[in-house]
Amino acid sequence: MSYWAIFTGVSFLPITAMPFFKTGPLAWNGAITFWGLFGTYFIWTASMGVCMAKDASRRLREVRDLDVPRKQKSGSAVVSA
């Protein structure tokens, strides 16, 4: 997933040429800057959202597992104070 984040960051480089082009693929509405830049950004945002949701679910499960007291072995007596 980190390679996709690096690729998305590198795909922002063509945006630096936008002020110099009024038409063509490097203009603000050109194929490279519009579809390449915004396409990779939206795919990256969606994939990071999925990864963050999975990580949040995993972390919540870990916290829930820590909160549940361990079951006592059968045959052992419970001593109350």
C-alpha atoms as a PDB file:
ATOM      1  CA  MET A   1       0.000   0.000   0.000  1.00  0.00           C
ATOM      2  CA  SER A   2       2.928   2.347   0.580  1.00  0.00           C
ATOM      3  CA  TYR A   3       3.951   2.042  -3.080  1.00  0.00           C
ATOM      4  CA  TRP A   4       0.510   3.270  -4.093  1.00  0.00           C
ATOM      5  CA  ALA A   5       0.891   6.289  -1.774  1.00  0.00           C
ATOM      6  CA  ILE A   6       4.289   7.100  -3.313  1.00  0.00           C
ATOM      7  CA  PHE A   7       2.874   6.735  -6.829  1.00  0.00           C
ATOM      8  CA  THR A   8       0.000   9.061  -5.956  1.00  0.00           C
ATOM      9  CA  GLY A   9       2.409  11.670  -4.630  1.00  0.00           C
ATOM     10  CA  VAL A  10       4.554  11.448  -7.756  1.00  0.00           C
ATOM     11  CA  SER A  11       1.456  11.792  -9.931  1.00  0.00           C
ATOM     12  CA  PHE A  12       1.047  15.321  -8.534  1.00  0.00           C
ATOM     13  CA  LEU A  13       4.202  16.445 -10.400  1.00  0.00           C
ATOM     14  CA  PRO A  14       2.379  17.270 -13.676  1.00  0.00           C
ATOM     15  CA  ILE A  15       0.299  19.811 -11.780  1.00  0.00           C
ATOM     16  CA  THR A  16       3.381  22.039 -11.605  1.00  0.00           C
ATOM     17  CA  ALA A  17       3.205  22.517 -15.394  1.00  0.00           C
ATOM     18  CA  MET A  18      -0.430  23.657 -15.417  1.00  0.00           C
ATOM     19  CA  PRO A  19       0.283  27.428 -15.228  1.00  0.00           C
ATOM     20  CA  PHE A  20       2.347  27.242 -18.425  1.00  0.00           C
ATOM     21  CA  PHE A  21      -0.205  25.450 -20.639  1.00  0.00           C
ATOM     22  CA  LYS A  22      -3.593  26.775 -21.722  1.00  0.00           C
ATOM     23  CA  THR A  23      -4.480  23.815 -23.958  1.00  0.00           C
ATOM     24  CA  GLY A  24      -3.365  20.250 -24.341  1.00  0.00           C
ATOM     25  CA  PRO A  25      -2.849  17.357 -21.925  1.00  0.00           C
ATOM     26  CA  LEU A  26      -0.992  19.468 -19.339  1.00  0.00           C
ATOM     27  CA  ALA A  27      -3.609  22.247 -19.146  1.00  0.00           C
ATOM     28  CA  TRP A  28      -5.883  22.412 -16.115  1.00  0.00           C
ATOM     29  CA  ASN A  29      -8.557  20.447 -17.988  1.00  0.00           C
ATOM     30  CA  GLY A  30      -6.141  18.219 -19.910  1.00  0.00           C
ATOM     31  CA  ALA A  31      -6.097  14.460 -19.872  1.00  0.00           C
ATOM     32  CA  ILE A  32      -2.899  14.050 -17.857  1.00  0.00           C
ATOM     33  CA  THR A  33      -3.609  16.601 -15.167  1.00  0.00           C
ATOM     34  CA  PHE A  34      -7.321  15.941 -14.831  1.00  0.00           C
ATOM     35  CA  TRP A  35      -7.688  12.196 -15.268  1.00  0.00           C
ATOM     36  CA  GLY A  36      -4.225  11.210 -14.091  1.00  0.00           C
ATOM     37  CA  LEU A  37      -4.028  13.457 -11.073  1.00  0.00           C
ATOM     38  CA  PHE A  38      -7.582  13.340  -9.825  1.00  0.00           C
ATOM     39  CA  GLY A  39      -8.061   9.701 -10.789  1.00  0.00           C
ATOM     40  CA  THR A  40      -5.102   8.531  -8.738  1.00  0.00           C
ATOM     41  CA  TYR A  41      -6.089  10.826  -5.865  1.00  0.00           C
ATOM     42  CA  PHE A  42      -9.638   9.464  -5.654  1.00  0.00           C
ATOM     43  CA  ILE A  43      -8.503   5.855  -5.957  1.00  0.00           C
ATOM     44  CA  TRP A  44      -5.893   6.519  -3.242  1.00  0.00           C
ATOM     45  CA  THR A  45      -8.513   8.122  -0.998  1.00  0.00           C
ATOM     46  CA  ALA A  46     -10.864   5.156  -1.414  1.00  0.00           C
ATOM     47  CA  SER A  47      -8.126   2.576  -0.816  1.00  0.00           C
ATOM     48  CA  MET A  48      -6.877   4.425   2.276  1.00  0.00           C
ATOM     49  CA  GLY A  49     -10.441   4.577   3.570  1.00  0.00           C
ATOM     50  CA  VAL A  50     -10.769   0.804   3.246  1.00  0.00           C
ATOM     51  CA  CYS A  51      -7.400   0.249   4.942  1.00  0.00           C
ATOM     52  CA  MET A  52      -8.266   2.639   7.782  1.00  0.00           C
ATOM     53  CA  ALA A  53     -11.640   0.960   8.332  1.00  0.00           C
ATOM     54  CA  LYS A  54      -9.967  -2.469   8.521  1.00  0.00           C
ATOM     55  CA  ASP A  55      -7.364  -1.134  10.953  1.00  0.00           C
ATOM     56  CA  ALA A  56     -10.014   0.526  13.133  1.00  0.00           C
ATOM     57  CA  SER A  57     -11.986  -2.730  13.208  1.00  0.00           C
ATOM     58  CA  ARG A  58      -8.871  -4.676  14.185  1.00  0.00           C
ATOM     59  CA  ARG A  59      -8.030  -2.206  16.959  1.00  0.00           C
ATOM     60  CA  LEU A  60     -11.576  -2.309  18.337  1.00  0.00           C
ATOM     61  CA  ARG A  61     -11.459  -6.105  18.421  1.00  0.00           C
ATOM     62  CA  GLU A  62      -8.158  -5.967  20.343  1.00  0.00           C
ATOM     63  CA  VAL A  63      -9.592  -3.556  22.905  1.00  0.00           C
ATOM     64  CA  ARG A  64     -12.747  -5.658  23.246  1.00  0.00           C
ATOM     65  CA  ASP A  65     -10.646  -8.790  23.795  1.00  0.00           C
ATOM     66  CA  LEU A  66      -8.676  -7.046  26.542  1.00  0.00           C
ATOM     67  CA  ASP A  67     -11.850  -5.948  28.334  1.00  0.00           C
ATOM     68  CA  VAL A  68     -13.329  -9.459  28.548  1.00  0.00           C
ATOM     69  CA  PRO A  69     -12.133 -11.180  31.730  1.00  0.00           C
ATOM     70  CA  ARG A  70     -10.490 -14.512  31.210  1.00  0.00           C
ATOM     71  CA  LYS A  71     -12.638 -17.519  31.925  1.00  0.00           C
ATOM     72  CA  GLN A  72     -11.636 -19.432  34.970  1.00  0.00           C
ATOM     73  CA  LYS A  73     -10.617 -23.025  34.675  1.00  0.00           C
ATOM     74  CA  SER A  74     -13.222 -25.532  35.666  1.00  0.00           C
ATOM     75  CA  GLY A  75     -12.645 -26.918  39.129  1.00  0.00           C
ATOM     76  CA  SER A  76     -10.965 -23.823  40.533  1.00  0.00           C
ATOM     77  CA  ALA A  77     -12.743 -22.009  43.319  1.00  0.00           C
ATOM     78  CA  VAL A  78     -13.497 -18.320  43.192  1.00  0.00           C
ATOM     79  CA  VAL A  79     -12.318 -16.514  46.286  1.00  0.00           C
ATOM     80  CA  SER A  80     -14.110 -13.285  47.080  1.00  0.00           C
ATOM     81  CA  ALA A  81     -12.602 -10.727  49.377  1.00  0.00           C
END
